[in-house]
PDB file of N, CA and C in Angstrom:
ATOM      1  N   MET A   1     -24.099  38.619   3.510  1.00  0.00           N
ATOM      2  CA  MET A   1     -22.749  38.567   2.969  1.00  0.00           C
ATOM      3  C   MET A   1     -21.716  38.188   4.031  1.00  0.00           C
ATOM      4  N   ILE A   2     -22.122  38.048   5.274  1.00  0.00           N
ATOM      5  CA  ILE A   2     -21.181  37.673   6.333  1.00  0.00           C
ATOM      6  C   ILE A   2     -20.672  36.248   6.116  1.00  0.00           C
ATOM      7  N   ILE A   3     -21.548  35.361   5.690  1.00  0.00           N
ATOM      8  CA  ILE A   3     -21.183  33.954   5.539  1.00  0.00           C
ATOM      9  C   ILE A   3     -20.456  33.679   4.223  1.00  0.00           C
ATOM     10  N   ALA A   4     -20.572  34.568   3.235  1.00  0.00           N
ATOM     11  CA  ALA A   4     -19.993  34.340   1.908  1.00  0.00           C
ATOM     12  C   ALA A   4     -18.488  34.053   1.935  1.00  0.00           C
ATOM     13  N   PRO A   5     -17.661  34.797   2.672  1.00  0.00           N
ATOM     14  CA  PRO A   5     -16.225  34.472   2.686  1.00  0.00           C
ATOM     15  C   PRO A   5     -15.927  33.076   3.248  1.00  0.00           C
ATOM     16  N   ILE A   6     -16.737  32.631   4.199  1.00  0.00           N
ATOM     17  CA  ILE A   6     -16.548  31.290   4.767  1.00  0.00           C
ATOM     18  C   ILE A   6     -16.876  30.238   3.716  1.00  0.00           C
ATOM     19  N   LEU A   7     -17.971  30.425   2.987  1.00  0.00           N
ATOM     20  CA  LEU A   7     -18.349  29.467   1.945  1.00  0.00           C
ATOM     21  C   LEU A   7     -17.326  29.437   0.810  1.00  0.00           C
ATOM     22  N   VAL A   8     -16.815  30.591   0.429  1.00  0.00           N
ATOM     23  CA  VAL A   8     -15.788  30.658  -0.619  1.00  0.00           C
ATOM     24  C   VAL A   8     -14.535  29.910  -0.175  1.00  0.00           C
ATOM     25  N   GLU A   9     -14.134  30.084   1.072  1.00  0.00           N
ATOM     26  CA  GLU A   9     -12.945  29.398   1.589  1.00  0.00           C
ATOM     27  C   GLU A   9     -13.163  27.891   1.665  1.00  0.00           C
ATOM     28  N   LEU A  10     -14.340  27.458   2.091  1.00  0.00           N
ATOM     29  CA  LEU A  10     -14.650  26.021   2.111  1.00  0.00           C
ATOM     30  C   LEU A  10     -14.557  25.423   0.716  1.00  0.00           C
ATOM     31  N   LYS A  11     -15.107  26.124  -0.261  1.00  0.00           N
ATOM     32  CA  LYS A  11     -15.075  25.630  -1.648  1.00  0.00           C
ATOM     33  C   LYS A  11     -13.633  25.589  -2.162  1.00  0.00           C
ATOM     34  N   ARG A  12     -12.822  26.581  -1.788  1.00  0.00           N
ATOM     35  CA  ARG A  12     -11.421  26.609  -2.212  1.00  0.00           C
ATOM     36  C   ARG A  12     -10.647  25.437  -1.606  1.00  0.00           C
ATOM     37  N   ILE A  13     -10.868  25.163  -0.335  1.00  0.00           N
ATOM     38  CA  ILE A  13     -10.152  24.088   0.354  1.00  0.00           C
ATOM     39  C   ILE A  13     -10.587  22.714  -0.153  1.00  0.00           C
ATOM     40  N   PHE A  14     -11.896  22.497  -0.281  1.00  0.00           N
ATOM     41  CA  PHE A  14     -12.409  21.171  -0.611  1.00  0.00           C
ATOM     42  C   PHE A  14     -12.656  20.951  -2.097  1.00  0.00           C
ATOM     43  N   LYS A  15     -12.485  21.974  -2.919  1.00  0.00           N
ATOM     44  CA  LYS A  15     -12.618  21.905  -4.376  1.00  0.00           C
ATOM     45  C   LYS A  15     -13.865  21.147  -4.796  1.00  0.00           C
ATOM     46  N   ASP A  16     -13.715  20.020  -5.453  1.00  0.00           N
ATOM     47  CA  ASP A  16     -14.863  19.268  -5.972  1.00  0.00           C
ATOM     48  C   ASP A  16     -15.437  18.267  -4.975  1.00  0.00           C
ATOM     49  N   GLU A  17     -14.960  18.272  -3.730  1.00  0.00           N
ATOM     50  CA  GLU A  17     -15.473  17.342  -2.723  1.00  0.00           C
ATOM     51  C   GLU A  17     -16.806  17.797  -2.142  1.00  0.00           C
ATOM     52  N   ILE A  18     -17.093  19.099  -2.210  1.00  0.00           N
ATOM     53  CA  ILE A  18     -18.345  19.616  -1.676  1.00  0.00           C
ATOM     54  C   ILE A  18     -19.055  20.443  -2.738  1.00  0.00           C
ATOM     55  N   ASN A  19     -20.336  20.645  -2.517  1.00  0.00           N
ATOM     56  CA  ASN A  19     -21.125  21.537  -3.361  1.00  0.00           C
ATOM     57  C   ASN A  19     -21.955  22.430  -2.464  1.00  0.00           C
ATOM     58  N   LEU A  20     -22.130  23.654  -2.895  1.00  0.00           N
ATOM     59  CA  LEU A  20     -22.876  24.646  -2.133  1.00  0.00           C
ATOM     60  C   LEU A  20     -24.219  24.900  -2.806  1.00  0.00           C
ATOM     61  N   PHE A  21     -25.262  25.014  -1.990  1.00  0.00           N
ATOM     62  CA  PHE A  21     -26.595  25.319  -2.479  1.00  0.00           C
ATOM     63  C   PHE A  21     -27.148  26.478  -1.658  1.00  0.00           C
ATOM     64  N   SER A  22     -27.933  27.318  -2.279  1.00  0.00           N
ATOM     65  CA  SER A  22     -28.562  28.424  -1.576  1.00  0.00           C
ATOM     66  C   SER A  22     -29.904  28.729  -2.213  1.00  0.00           C
ATOM     67  N   GLY A  23     -30.917  28.931  -1.351  1.00  0.00           N
ATOM     68  CA  GLY A  23     -32.238  29.302  -1.841  1.00  0.00           C
ATOM     69  C   GLY A  23     -32.997  28.198  -2.541  1.00  0.00           C
ATOM     70  N   VAL A  24     -32.677  26.956  -2.233  1.00  0.00           N
ATOM     71  CA  VAL A  24     -33.387  25.836  -2.865  1.00  0.00           C
ATOM     72  C   VAL A  24     -34.365  25.197  -1.882  1.00  0.00           C
ATOM     73  N   ASN A  25     -35.413  24.595  -2.416  1.00  0.00           N
ATOM     74  CA  ASN A  25     -36.381  23.889  -1.581  1.00  0.00           C
ATOM     75  C   ASN A  25     -35.721  22.635  -1.020  1.00  0.00           C
ATOM     76  N   PHE A  26     -35.774  22.486   0.288  1.00  0.00           N
ATOM     77  CA  PHE A  26     -35.141  21.335   0.945  1.00  0.00           C
ATOM     78  C   PHE A  26     -36.191  20.644   1.807  1.00  0.00           C
ATOM     79  N   THR A  27     -36.854  19.655   1.225  1.00  0.00           N
ATOM     80  CA  THR A  27     -37.892  18.916   1.933  1.00  0.00           C
ATOM     81  C   THR A  27     -37.323  17.584   2.403  1.00  0.00           C
ATOM     82  N   VAL A  28     -37.314  17.403   3.720  1.00  0.00           N
ATOM     83  CA  VAL A  28     -36.830  16.154   4.310  1.00  0.00           C
ATOM     84  C   VAL A  28     -38.015  15.263   4.653  1.00  0.00           C
ATOM     85  N   ASP A  29     -38.959  15.803   5.444  1.00  0.00           N
ATOM     86  CA  ASP A  29     -40.143  15.054   5.849  1.00  0.00           C
ATOM     87  C   ASP A  29     -41.256  16.052   6.154  1.00  0.00           C
ATOM     88  N   GLU A  30     -42.183  16.206   5.216  1.00  0.00           N
ATOM     89  CA  GLU A  30     -43.261  17.187   5.396  1.00  0.00           C
ATOM     90  C   GLU A  30     -44.173  16.839   6.561  1.00  0.00           C
ATOM     91  N   THR A  31     -44.326  15.543   6.896  1.00  0.00           N
ATOM     92  CA  THR A  31     -45.204  15.166   8.012  1.00  0.00           C
ATOM     93  C   THR A  31     -44.663  15.672   9.343  1.00  0.00           C
ATOM     94  N   GLN A  32     -43.348  15.888   9.437  1.00  0.00           N
ATOM     95  CA  GLN A  32     -42.743  16.414  10.662  1.00  0.00           C
ATOM     96  C   GLN A  32     -42.368  17.892  10.500  1.00  0.00           C
ATOM     97  N   ASN A  33     -42.892  18.524   9.446  1.00  0.00           N
ATOM     98  CA  ASN A  33     -42.647  19.937   9.156  1.00  0.00           C
ATOM     99  C   ASN A  33     -41.157  20.222   8.924  1.00  0.00           C
ATOM    100  N   LEU A  34     -40.453  19.273   8.345  1.00  0.00           N
ATOM    101  CA  LEU A  34     -39.037  19.449   8.008  1.00  0.00           C
ATOM    102  C   LEU A  34     -38.928  19.775   6.525  1.00  0.00           C
ATOM    103  N   ASN A  35     -39.340  20.978   6.192  1.00  0.00           N
ATOM    104  CA  ASN A  35     -39.300  21.419   4.801  1.00  0.00           C
ATOM    105  C   ASN A  35     -39.176  22.933   4.762  1.00  0.00           C
ATOM    106  N   GLY A  36     -38.718  23.434   3.642  1.00  0.00           N
ATOM    107  CA  GLY A  36     -38.606  24.869   3.462  1.00  0.00           C
ATOM    108  C   GLY A  36     -37.466  25.225   2.533  1.00  0.00           C
ATOM    109  N   ILE A  37     -37.251  26.519   2.381  1.00  0.00           N
ATOM    110  CA  ILE A  37     -36.190  27.040   1.530  1.00  0.00           C
ATOM    111  C   ILE A  37     -34.949  27.252   2.399  1.00  0.00           C
ATOM    112  N   CYS A  38     -33.843  26.679   1.978  1.00  0.00           N
ATOM    113  CA  CYS A  38     -32.618  26.824   2.770  1.00  0.00           C
ATOM    114  C   CYS A  38     -31.871  28.086   2.355  1.00  0.00           C
ATOM    115  N   ASP A  39     -31.237  28.720   3.336  1.00  0.00           N
ATOM    116  CA  ASP A  39     -30.372  29.848   3.035  1.00  0.00           C
ATOM    117  C   ASP A  39     -29.047  29.335   2.482  1.00  0.00           C
ATOM    118  N   PHE A  40     -28.419  28.421   3.219  1.00  0.00           N
ATOM    119  CA  PHE A  40     -27.152  27.838   2.788  1.00  0.00           C
ATOM    120  C   PHE A  40     -27.138  26.370   3.149  1.00  0.00           C
ATOM    121  N   LEU A  41     -26.638  25.566   2.247  1.00  0.00           N
ATOM    122  CA  LEU A  41     -26.544  24.139   2.471  1.00  0.00           C
ATOM    123  C   LEU A  41     -25.263  23.646   1.808  1.00  0.00           C
ATOM    124  N   ILE A  42     -24.523  22.815   2.517  1.00  0.00           N
ATOM    125  CA  ILE A  42     -23.274  22.252   1.994  1.00  0.00           C
ATOM    126  C   ILE A  42     -23.461  20.749   1.877  1.00  0.00           C
ATOM    127  N   SER A  43     -23.182  20.220   0.700  1.00  0.00           N
ATOM    128  CA  SER A  43     -23.325  18.779   0.459  1.00  0.00           C
ATOM    129  C   SER A  43     -21.955  18.171   0.181  1.00  0.00           C
ATOM    130  N   HIS A  44     -21.690  17.048   0.830  1.00  0.00           N
ATOM    131  CA  HIS A  44     -20.439  16.316   0.587  1.00  0.00           C
ATOM    132  C   HIS A  44     -20.728  15.242  -0.455  1.00  0.00           C
ATOM    133  N   SER A  45     -21.035  15.715  -1.648  1.00  0.00           N
ATOM    134  CA  SER A  45     -21.407  14.834  -2.747  1.00  0.00           C
ATOM    135  C   SER A  45     -20.943  15.470  -4.051  1.00  0.00           C
ATOM    136  N   PRO A  46     -20.535  14.676  -5.029  1.00  0.00           N
ATOM    137  CA  PRO A  46     -20.136  15.237  -6.318  1.00  0.00           C
ATOM    138  C   PRO A  46     -21.322  15.761  -7.134  1.00  0.00           C
ATOM    139  N   GLU A  47     -22.538  15.442  -6.726  1.00  0.00           N
ATOM    140  CA  GLU A  47     -23.743  15.877  -7.439  1.00  0.00           C
ATOM    141  C   GLU A  47     -23.887  17.396  -7.346  1.00  0.00           C
ATOM    142  N   LYS A  48     -23.964  18.062  -8.511  1.00  0.00           N
ATOM    143  CA  LYS A  48     -24.031  19.522  -8.540  1.00  0.00           C
ATOM    144  C   LYS A  48     -25.445  20.067  -8.779  1.00  0.00           C
ATOM    145  N   LEU A  49     -26.340  19.243  -9.294  1.00  0.00           N
ATOM    146  CA  LEU A  49     -27.664  19.727  -9.632  1.00  0.00           C
ATOM    147  C   LEU A  49     -28.712  19.406  -8.579  1.00  0.00           C
ATOM    148  N   PHE A  50     -28.519  18.318  -7.844  1.00  0.00           N
ATOM    149  CA  PHE A  50     -29.490  17.887  -6.850  1.00  0.00           C
ATOM    150  C   PHE A  50     -28.798  17.722  -5.504  1.00  0.00           C
ATOM    151  N   ILE A  51     -29.518  18.004  -4.444  1.00  0.00           N
ATOM    152  CA  ILE A  51     -28.976  17.845  -3.096  1.00  0.00           C
ATOM    153  C   ILE A  51     -28.897  16.361  -2.773  1.00  0.00           C
ATOM    154  N   ALA A  52     -27.723  15.930  -2.336  1.00  0.00           N
ATOM    155  CA  ALA A  52     -27.517  14.532  -1.967  1.00  0.00           C
ATOM    156  C   ALA A  52     -26.822  14.472  -0.611  1.00  0.00           C
ATOM    157  N   ALA A  53     -27.113  13.452   0.152  1.00  0.00           N
ATOM    158  CA  ALA A  53     -26.532  13.295   1.492  1.00  0.00           C
ATOM    159  C   ALA A  53     -25.060  12.906   1.374  1.00  0.00           C
ATOM    160  N   PRO A  54     -24.272  13.208   2.348  1.00  0.00           N
ATOM    161  CA  PRO A  54     -24.591  13.932   3.585  1.00  0.00           C
ATOM    162  C   PRO A  54     -24.574  15.436   3.366  1.00  0.00           C
ATOM    163  N   ILE A  55     -25.289  16.145   4.217  1.00  0.00           N
ATOM    164  CA  ILE A  55     -25.395  17.597   4.085  1.00  0.00           C
ATOM    165  C   ILE A  55     -25.091  18.269   5.416  1.00  0.00           C
ATOM    166  N   ILE A  56     -24.805  19.546   5.342  1.00  0.00           N
ATOM    167  CA  ILE A  56     -24.650  20.404   6.525  1.00  0.00           C
ATOM    168  C   ILE A  56     -25.579  21.580   6.321  1.00  0.00           C
ATOM    169  N   THR A  57     -26.352  21.901   7.341  1.00  0.00           N
ATOM    170  CA  THR A  57     -27.181  23.099   7.255  1.00  0.00           C
ATOM    171  C   THR A  57     -26.681  24.117   8.269  1.00  0.00           C
ATOM    172  N   LEU A  58     -26.742  25.383   7.906  1.00  0.00           N
ATOM    173  CA  LEU A  58     -26.396  26.471   8.813  1.00  0.00           C
ATOM    174  C   LEU A  58     -27.679  27.145   9.242  1.00  0.00           C
ATOM    175  N   VAL A  59     -27.893  27.203  10.527  1.00  0.00           N
ATOM    176  CA  VAL A  59     -29.139  27.793  11.047  1.00  0.00           C
ATOM    177  C   VAL A  59     -28.795  29.067  11.781  1.00  0.00           C
TER     178      VAL A  59
END
């Protein structure tokens, strides 16, 4: 819950310019082991159902 206020504020500031995803499978390249379930992901795309580039990941 530490990150939740930051994500809420980002969504408030950027409105429909960004979309937030959490707990979704994010496979970039399985051959390089770039896959897994993301905790939080921010996409600068109007797409709300699917992750689209560009993205920001919080590690």
